[in-house]
Amino acid sequence: MDYSAKLDLALNRLHEEGRYRTFIDIERKKGQFPHAIWNKADGTQQPITVWCGNDYLGMGQHPVVLDAMHEALDATGAGSGGTRNISGTTVYHKRLEAELADLHQKEASLLFTSAYIANDATLSTLPKLFPGLIIYSDELNHASMIEGIRRNGGAKRVFRHNDMTHLRALLEADDPAAPKLIAFESVYSMDGDIGPIAEICDLAEEFGALTYLDEVHAVGMYGPRGGGVSERDGLTDRIDIINGTLGKAFGVHGGYIAASAQMCDAIRSYAPGFIFTTSLPPVVAAGAAASIAHLKQDQTLRDQHQLQAKILKMRLKGLGLPIIDHGTHIVPVIVGNPVHTKKLSDMLLEDHGIYVQPINYPTVPRGTERLRFTPSPVHGPKEIDALVRAMDELWSHCALNRAELAG
């Protein structure tokens, strides 16, 4: 077997389809976000504006977060020193889990090294706790949810995106006595649309199912204390398990679930992805706890974030660009071709110092390739003006038909 040739074949296929992912070397500067430095391959540097980051509120550079991390670093050093079960549980981890439980008004929460691992570990463990469990999964759920459901070896049903009629039909077709769980998201990250949380909860109650809600792209940004769309809509108490991240709006790193004390205890006791993983460094846990506590009281920052997103969408619509607008902070501009998407991304970066990563298949369906902009409170009028001018110029330069794509 010529292993090298097989690798070349796989990588060349991505290049030919325009789907090869290029990572650029970014040097973030504290206090200057969204501005950063691009360290180019030729050894030169170029100032850029980051328009695709997930530090949605700029909390990764907030003094409250940095002060807490400095204090923890000086007090404890770098790493946690072990798994949660073996010397890796500290006062910082317990404090963070208490903040998260309070955020979602749940009895408990459980930390993981990422929201991906939290989804994968939890969803793959639940059938061990509920033999015969059937999981009903929205077709646009995140890869981490899909992987967790796939790995658990149990029964699964995939319902059409946000289609409650289809979900009801699937529930009706199964054994009424079988344990059930409905897994879905609040804000879907590629289109920015929102799941019908109340309707799903109604179906779950009718058919005796548990509810599992991924709030990764909503925590910190929605609800009066940043508890997500479920908090905003007064539905938190109807959700059995909430998944969230510490690496987006909270600006640090890690993931978690929030649920009943009994549920968290069971996952903690049975999930290999929790049991055998080194815990988050105390410095990270300290920064995340400080960020959550601050955002519970900073509605002004949330309002400013939503305003900047509305302004950007209005400006791009004014150019006639084919954007998707579901009223959230996600701003996708549909290009519809992987080669064109990569070309636009490259030209924005090289000619205008604007960094936005192309989003291609399999992250989104073929024919819906896009640039996804994520405005933040620190993307001001100057940054928005520069982006709108660049998009206007390059869309025409690349000979993309606005009206056709919009239709």
Protein backbone atom coordinates (compact mmCIF):
# COMPACT_ATOMS: atom_id res chain seq x y z
CA MET A 1 0.00 0.00 0.00
CA ASP A 2 1.38 3.40 -1.01
CA TYR A 3 0.10 5.39 1.98
CA SER A 4 1.67 8.65 0.79
CA ALA A 5 -0.13 8.41 -2.56
CA LYS A 6 -3.44 7.83 -0.79
CA LEU A 7 -2.90 10.94 1.33
CA ASP A 8 -2.00 12.96 -1.77
CA LEU A 9 -5.18 11.76 -3.47
CA ALA A 10 -7.36 12.77 -0.52
CA LEU A 11 -5.77 16.21 -0.17
CA ASN A 12 -5.74 16.91 -3.92
CA ARG A 13 -9.45 16.15 -4.06
CA LEU A 14 -10.08 18.95 -1.56
CA HIS A 15 -7.90 21.35 -3.56
CA GLU A 16 -9.71 20.51 -6.81
CA GLU A 17 -13.12 21.07 -5.23
CA GLY A 18 -12.04 24.36 -3.67
CA ARG A 19 -12.64 22.94 -0.17
CA TYR A 20 -9.08 22.80 1.16
CA ARG A 21 -8.95 24.63 4.49
CA THR A 22 -6.19 27.17 4.96
CA PHE A 23 -5.32 28.38 8.44
CA ILE A 24 -3.72 31.79 8.73
CA ASP A 25 -1.38 32.74 11.57
CA ILE A 26 -3.15 35.43 13.62
CA GLU A 27 -1.61 37.43 16.43
CA ARG A 28 -4.36 38.96 18.55
CA LYS A 29 -3.49 42.13 20.45
CA LYS A 30 -5.01 42.67 23.89
CA GLY A 31 -7.27 45.70 23.91
CA GLN A 32 -7.32 46.02 20.11
CA PHE A 33 -9.79 43.31 19.07
CA PRO A 34 -11.12 42.93 16.35
CA HIS A 35 -7.82 44.20 14.99
CA ALA A 36 -4.97 41.70 14.80
CA ILE A 37 -1.76 40.93 12.92
CA TRP A 38 -1.49 38.39 10.11
CA ASN A 39 1.90 36.67 10.18
CA LYS A 40 2.32 35.74 6.52
CA ALA A 41 4.23 32.75 5.22
CA ASP A 42 6.90 34.99 3.67
CA GLY A 43 7.79 36.38 7.09
CA THR A 44 6.03 39.74 6.65
CA GLN A 45 3.13 41.02 8.72
CA GLN A 46 -0.15 42.70 7.75
CA PRO A 47 -2.74 44.37 9.98
CA ILE A 48 -6.16 42.75 9.63
CA THR A 49 -9.68 43.01 11.05
CA VAL A 50 -11.13 39.69 12.22
CA TRP A 51 -14.73 39.28 11.01
CA CYS A 52 -15.25 35.57 11.66
CA GLY A 53 -14.26 35.12 15.29
CA ASN A 54 -16.44 33.49 17.91
CA ASP A 55 -15.38 35.85 20.72
CA TYR A 56 -18.77 37.41 20.10
CA LEU A 57 -18.69 40.01 22.87
CA GLY A 58 -14.96 40.67 23.11
CA MET A 59 -14.81 39.06 26.56
CA GLY A 60 -11.50 37.43 25.68
CA GLN A 61 -9.86 40.79 26.36
CA HIS A 62 -12.16 42.11 29.10
CA PRO A 63 -10.29 43.33 32.21
CA VAL A 64 -12.61 41.40 34.55
CA VAL A 65 -11.67 38.14 32.82
CA LEU A 66 -7.96 38.90 32.57
CA ASP A 67 -7.71 39.98 36.19
CA ALA A 68 -9.33 36.74 37.36
CA MET A 69 -6.99 34.68 35.20
CA HIS A 70 -3.88 36.52 36.42
CA GLU A 71 -4.97 36.00 40.03
CA ALA A 72 -5.55 32.27 39.50
CA LEU A 73 -2.28 31.84 37.62
CA ASP A 74 -0.32 33.48 40.42
CA ALA A 75 -2.17 31.42 43.02
CA THR A 76 -2.12 27.96 41.41
CA GLY A 77 0.23 27.82 38.44
CA ALA A 78 -0.60 26.53 34.97
CA GLY A 79 -2.34 23.15 34.74
CA SER A 80 -4.90 21.34 36.87
CA GLY A 81 -2.64 18.36 37.48
CA GLY A 82 -5.07 15.59 36.65
CA THR A 83 -8.53 14.40 35.74
CA ARG A 84 -11.48 15.61 37.78
CA ASN A 85 -11.47 12.27 39.57
CA ILE A 86 -7.74 12.27 40.32
CA SER A 87 -6.52 15.58 41.79
CA GLY A 88 -7.97 17.77 39.01
CA THR A 89 -10.94 19.29 40.87
CA THR A 90 -10.17 22.68 42.41
CA VAL A 91 -12.10 25.51 43.99
CA TYR A 92 -12.04 27.20 40.57
CA HIS A 93 -13.82 24.28 38.89
CA LYS A 94 -16.45 24.14 41.61
CA ARG A 95 -16.99 27.89 41.44
CA LEU A 96 -17.42 27.76 37.67
CA GLU A 97 -19.91 24.89 37.85
CA ALA A 98 -21.89 26.82 40.45
CA GLU A 99 -21.97 29.90 38.17
CA LEU A 100 -23.19 27.76 35.25
CA ALA A 101 -25.89 26.02 37.28
CA ASP A 102 -27.12 29.41 38.45
CA LEU A 103 -26.98 30.83 34.91
CA HIS A 104 -29.35 28.15 33.64
CA GLN A 105 -31.34 27.79 36.88
CA LYS A 106 -30.43 24.12 37.14
CA GLU A 107 -29.39 22.08 40.15
CA ALA A 108 -25.94 21.34 38.76
CA SER A 109 -23.56 21.61 35.83
CA LEU A 110 -20.64 19.56 34.57
CA LEU A 111 -17.48 20.91 32.91
CA PHE A 112 -15.81 19.43 29.84
CA THR A 113 -12.74 20.48 27.87
CA SER A 114 -14.95 21.73 25.02
CA ALA A 115 -18.61 21.94 24.05
CA TYR A 116 -17.86 19.39 21.32
CA ILE A 117 -16.70 16.90 23.96
CA ALA A 118 -19.65 17.79 26.18
CA ASN A 119 -22.09 16.93 23.39
CA ASP A 120 -20.22 13.84 22.25
CA ALA A 121 -19.67 12.46 25.75
CA THR A 122 -23.18 13.15 27.03
CA LEU A 123 -25.14 11.96 24.01
CA SER A 124 -23.04 8.81 23.66
CA THR A 125 -23.52 8.00 27.36
CA LEU A 126 -27.29 8.49 27.71
CA PRO A 127 -28.23 5.08 26.21
CA LYS A 128 -26.15 3.44 28.95
CA LEU A 129 -28.38 5.18 31.47
CA PHE A 130 -31.64 4.61 29.59
CA PRO A 131 -31.49 1.25 27.76
CA GLY A 132 -33.51 1.29 24.55
CA LEU A 133 -33.31 5.10 24.32
CA ILE A 134 -34.44 6.60 20.99
CA ILE A 135 -32.84 9.96 20.12
CA TYR A 136 -34.67 12.31 17.75
CA SER A 137 -32.14 14.68 16.17
CA ASP A 138 -32.67 17.78 14.04
CA GLU A 139 -30.98 17.24 10.69
CA LEU A 140 -28.91 20.43 11.06
CA ASN A 141 -27.53 19.60 14.50
CA HIS A 142 -23.84 20.26 15.06
CA ALA A 143 -21.28 17.60 14.14
CA SER A 144 -20.55 16.98 17.83
CA MET A 145 -24.18 16.04 18.46
CA ILE A 146 -24.30 13.84 15.38
CA GLU A 147 -21.11 12.09 16.43
CA GLY A 148 -22.30 11.52 19.98
CA ILE A 149 -25.59 10.08 18.76
CA ARG A 150 -23.82 7.90 16.19
CA ARG A 151 -21.36 6.50 18.71
CA ASN A 152 -23.91 5.55 21.33
CA GLY A 153 -25.10 2.55 19.34
CA GLY A 154 -28.75 3.23 20.15
CA ALA A 155 -31.73 4.02 17.98
CA LYS A 156 -31.89 7.41 16.29
CA ARG A 157 -34.38 9.30 14.19
CA VAL A 158 -33.47 12.40 12.17
CA PHE A 159 -36.24 14.93 11.64
CA ARG A 160 -36.29 17.65 9.00
CA HIS A 161 -34.93 20.93 10.25
CA ASN A 162 -37.38 22.65 12.60
CA ASP A 163 -40.21 20.51 11.12
CA MET A 164 -42.57 19.75 13.98
CA THR A 165 -44.97 17.78 11.79
CA HIS A 166 -42.17 15.40 10.83
CA LEU A 167 -40.98 15.14 14.43
CA ARG A 168 -44.49 14.31 15.61
CA ALA A 169 -44.83 11.61 12.96
CA LEU A 170 -41.55 10.01 14.06
CA LEU A 171 -42.59 10.09 17.72
CA GLU A 172 -45.99 8.58 16.93
CA ALA A 173 -44.40 5.74 14.97
CA ASP A 174 -42.31 4.49 17.90
CA ASP A 175 -43.17 2.41 20.94
CA PRO A 176 -44.89 4.70 23.47
CA ALA A 177 -43.07 2.91 26.29
CA ALA A 178 -39.57 3.43 24.86
CA PRO A 179 -37.41 6.10 26.52
CA LYS A 180 -36.97 9.09 24.21
CA LEU A 181 -34.86 12.24 23.89
CA ILE A 182 -35.15 15.16 21.46
CA ALA A 183 -31.83 16.83 20.62
CA PHE A 184 -31.79 20.24 18.96
CA GLU A 185 -30.18 23.69 19.00
CA SER A 186 -31.35 27.18 19.86
CA VAL A 187 -29.33 29.29 17.37
CA TYR A 188 -28.12 27.29 14.37
CA SER A 189 -24.68 28.63 13.56
CA MET A 190 -24.67 28.51 9.76
CA ASP A 191 -27.99 30.23 8.96
CA GLY A 192 -28.58 31.94 12.29
CA ASP A 193 -32.14 30.64 12.60
CA ILE A 194 -33.70 29.56 15.89
CA GLY A 195 -35.20 26.23 16.89
CA PRO A 196 -38.89 26.11 17.92
CA ILE A 197 -38.09 25.43 21.57
CA ALA A 198 -41.63 25.75 22.94
CA GLU A 199 -43.15 23.43 20.33
CA ILE A 200 -40.44 20.84 20.88
CA CYS A 201 -41.05 21.00 24.64
CA ASP A 202 -44.77 20.50 24.01
CA LEU A 203 -44.07 17.38 21.94
CA ALA A 204 -41.59 16.11 24.51
CA GLU A 205 -44.18 16.39 27.27
CA GLU A 206 -46.85 14.75 25.14
CA PHE A 207 -44.66 11.77 24.26
CA GLY A 208 -42.70 11.49 27.50
CA ALA A 209 -39.34 12.51 26.02
CA LEU A 210 -36.35 14.26 27.54
CA THR A 211 -35.12 17.49 25.91
CA TYR A 212 -31.49 18.23 25.05
CA LEU A 213 -30.75 21.79 23.90
CA ASP A 214 -27.45 23.04 22.47
CA GLU A 215 -27.19 26.76 23.36
CA VAL A 216 -23.57 27.16 22.21
CA HIS A 217 -24.26 30.12 19.90
CA ALA A 218 -26.64 31.79 22.34
CA VAL A 219 -25.21 31.64 25.87
CA GLY A 220 -23.99 35.01 27.06
CA MET A 221 -25.83 36.81 24.26
CA TYR A 222 -29.55 36.13 24.77
CA GLY A 223 -31.77 36.31 27.83
CA PRO A 224 -31.74 38.87 30.65
CA ARG A 225 -28.67 37.22 32.22
CA GLY A 226 -27.15 35.59 29.14
CA GLY A 227 -28.72 32.19 29.74
CA GLY A 228 -29.54 31.76 26.05
CA VAL A 229 -32.68 31.70 23.95
CA SER A 230 -34.37 29.32 26.40
CA GLU A 231 -33.94 31.93 29.15
CA ARG A 232 -35.05 34.75 26.85
CA ASP A 233 -38.25 32.86 26.05
CA GLY A 234 -38.89 31.72 29.63
CA LEU A 235 -38.43 28.04 28.76
CA THR A 236 -35.36 27.04 30.76
CA ASP A 237 -37.35 24.96 33.23
CA ARG A 238 -38.74 22.85 30.38
CA ILE A 239 -35.29 21.78 29.14
CA ASP A 240 -33.74 18.72 30.79
CA ILE A 241 -30.15 19.14 29.56
CA ILE A 242 -28.55 22.34 28.27
CA ASN A 243 -25.21 22.27 26.48
CA GLY A 244 -23.07 25.39 26.25
CA THR A 245 -19.59 26.67 25.55
CA LEU A 246 -17.12 28.88 27.40
CA GLY A 247 -15.18 29.63 24.21
CA LYS A 248 -17.55 31.93 22.35
CA ALA A 249 -19.48 34.73 24.10
CA PHE A 250 -17.66 34.04 27.38
CA GLY A 251 -14.33 34.48 25.59
CA VAL A 252 -12.32 31.69 27.27
CA HIS A 253 -12.33 27.92 26.67
CA GLY A 254 -14.27 24.78 27.57
CA GLY A 255 -17.79 23.38 27.48
CA TYR A 256 -20.46 22.10 29.85
CA ILE A 257 -23.88 20.67 30.42
CA ALA A 258 -26.40 21.99 32.94
CA ALA A 259 -29.12 19.71 34.26
CA SER A 260 -30.47 18.11 37.43
CA ALA A 261 -27.94 17.05 40.05
CA GLN A 262 -28.89 13.44 39.41
CA MET A 263 -28.34 13.73 35.65
CA CYS A 264 -24.96 15.45 36.05
CA ASP A 265 -23.90 12.85 38.60
CA ALA A 266 -24.81 10.03 36.23
CA ILE A 267 -22.95 11.57 33.27
CA ARG A 268 -19.98 12.30 35.52
CA SER A 269 -19.93 8.68 36.62
CA TYR A 270 -20.41 6.98 33.24
CA ALA A 271 -19.02 9.20 30.44
CA PRO A 272 -15.46 8.24 29.38
CA GLY A 273 -15.07 11.67 27.76
CA PHE A 274 -15.36 13.18 31.23
CA ILE A 275 -13.73 10.51 33.39
CA PHE A 276 -10.47 10.09 31.44
CA THR A 277 -9.74 13.69 30.41
CA THR A 278 -7.46 16.14 32.20
CA SER A 279 -9.60 18.90 33.64
CA LEU A 280 -9.53 22.53 32.51
CA PRO A 281 -6.60 24.54 33.88
CA PRO A 282 -7.69 26.50 36.99
CA VAL A 283 -6.71 29.76 35.25
CA VAL A 284 -9.21 29.00 32.46
CA ALA A 285 -11.95 28.09 34.93
CA ALA A 286 -11.33 31.31 36.86
CA GLY A 287 -11.58 33.46 33.72
CA ALA A 288 -14.75 31.73 32.58
CA ALA A 289 -16.44 32.12 35.97
CA ALA A 290 -15.59 35.83 36.00
CA SER A 291 -16.93 36.26 32.47
CA ILE A 292 -20.22 34.52 33.26
CA ALA A 293 -20.72 36.52 36.45
CA HIS A 294 -20.06 39.76 34.59
CA LEU A 295 -22.35 39.00 31.64
CA LYS A 296 -25.22 38.13 33.95
CA GLN A 297 -25.38 41.87 34.63
CA ASP A 298 -24.17 43.47 31.38
CA GLN A 299 -27.27 43.86 29.21
CA THR A 300 -25.73 46.92 27.57
CA LEU A 301 -23.06 44.76 25.94
CA ARG A 302 -25.69 42.32 24.66
CA ASP A 303 -27.77 45.17 23.24
CA GLN A 304 -24.74 46.69 21.53
CA HIS A 305 -23.90 43.33 19.99
CA GLN A 306 -27.38 42.96 18.50
CA LEU A 307 -27.29 46.55 17.22
CA GLN A 308 -24.02 46.01 15.35
CA ALA A 309 -25.41 42.85 13.77
CA LYS A 310 -28.55 44.69 12.63
CA ILE A 311 -26.50 47.52 11.15
CA LEU A 312 -24.25 45.15 9.20
CA LYS A 313 -27.21 43.19 7.83
CA MET A 314 -28.96 46.39 6.78
CA ARG A 315 -25.84 47.66 5.01
CA LEU A 316 -25.23 44.39 3.15
CA LYS A 317 -28.90 44.16 2.16
CA GLY A 318 -28.56 47.68 0.79
CA LEU A 319 -25.93 46.36 -1.64
CA GLY A 320 -28.32 43.67 -2.80
CA LEU A 321 -26.14 40.87 -1.47
CA PRO A 322 -27.83 37.52 -0.75
CA ILE A 323 -27.69 37.43 3.05
CA ILE A 324 -29.72 35.23 5.37
CA ASP A 325 -31.39 37.17 8.17
CA HIS A 326 -33.22 35.33 10.93
CA GLY A 327 -32.89 38.16 13.43
CA THR A 328 -29.81 36.78 15.20
CA HIS A 329 -26.17 37.84 15.34
CA ILE A 330 -25.07 35.41 12.59
CA VAL A 331 -24.62 37.16 9.20
CA PRO A 332 -24.18 34.65 6.33
CA VAL A 333 -23.61 35.89 2.77
CA ILE A 334 -24.37 33.07 0.34
CA VAL A 335 -21.88 32.71 -2.54
CA GLY A 336 -22.98 29.28 -3.71
CA ASN A 337 -19.67 28.08 -5.14
CA PRO A 338 -16.62 26.85 -3.19
CA VAL A 339 -14.07 28.31 -5.58
CA HIS A 340 -15.74 31.73 -5.61
CA THR A 341 -16.10 31.64 -1.83
CA LYS A 342 -12.39 30.93 -1.37
CA LYS A 343 -11.49 33.61 -3.93
CA LEU A 344 -13.58 36.22 -2.13
CA SER A 345 -12.07 35.26 1.21
CA ASP A 346 -8.53 35.47 -0.16
CA MET A 347 -9.10 38.86 -1.82
CA LEU A 348 -10.74 40.33 1.26
CA LEU A 349 -7.73 39.28 3.30
CA GLU A 350 -4.92 40.16 0.92
CA ASP A 351 -6.31 43.35 -0.62
CA HIS A 352 -8.42 44.77 2.21
CA GLY A 353 -7.06 43.26 5.43
CA ILE A 354 -10.45 41.72 6.23
CA TYR A 355 -10.36 38.15 7.54
CA VAL A 356 -13.44 35.97 7.06
CA GLN A 357 -13.06 32.22 6.63
CA PRO A 358 -14.92 30.53 3.74
CA ILE A 359 -17.59 28.04 4.85
CA ASN A 360 -17.86 25.08 2.48
CA TYR A 361 -19.22 21.54 2.34
CA PRO A 362 -19.55 19.45 4.51
CA THR A 363 -20.14 22.24 7.05
CA VAL A 364 -22.94 23.50 4.80
CA PRO A 365 -24.72 21.77 1.88
CA ARG A 366 -23.15 22.04 -1.56
CA GLY A 367 -24.46 25.06 -3.41
CA THR A 368 -24.83 27.10 -0.21
CA GLU A 369 -21.15 27.92 0.33
CA ARG A 370 -20.83 31.21 2.16
CA LEU A 371 -18.93 33.86 4.00
CA ARG A 372 -20.19 34.07 7.58
CA PHE A 373 -19.61 37.36 9.38
CA THR A 374 -19.82 37.60 13.15
CA PRO A 375 -20.02 41.25 14.23
CA SER A 376 -19.29 42.15 17.83
CA PRO A 377 -19.73 45.25 20.01
CA VAL A 378 -16.18 46.30 19.10
CA HIS A 379 -16.81 46.22 15.34
CA GLY A 380 -17.59 49.91 15.02
CA PRO A 381 -18.67 52.18 12.12
CA LYS A 382 -15.12 52.33 10.72
CA GLU A 383 -14.82 48.54 10.54
CA ILE A 384 -18.33 48.13 9.09
CA ASP A 385 -17.72 50.81 6.45
CA ALA A 386 -14.50 49.10 5.34
CA LEU A 387 -16.21 45.72 5.09
CA VAL A 388 -19.19 47.02 3.12
CA ARG A 389 -16.96 48.89 0.64
CA ALA A 390 -14.80 45.80 0.12
CA MET A 391 -17.77 43.49 -0.39
CA ASP A 392 -19.33 45.91 -2.90
CA GLU A 393 -16.12 46.09 -4.90
CA LEU A 394 -15.21 42.41 -4.83
CA TRP A 395 -18.69 41.04 -5.52
CA SER A 396 -18.66 42.85 -8.84
CA HIS A 397 -15.00 42.01 -9.47
CA CYS A 398 -15.76 38.29 -9.09
CA ALA A 399 -18.71 38.67 -11.51
CA LEU A 400 -21.23 37.27 -9.06
CA ASN A 401 -24.87 37.84 -9.96
CA ARG A 402 -26.52 39.41 -6.92
CA ALA A 403 -30.11 39.12 -8.07
CA GLU A 404 -29.72 35.51 -9.20
CA LEU A 405 -28.07 34.43 -5.97
CA ALA A 406 -30.59 36.33 -3.86
CA GLY A 407 -33.40 34.50 -5.62
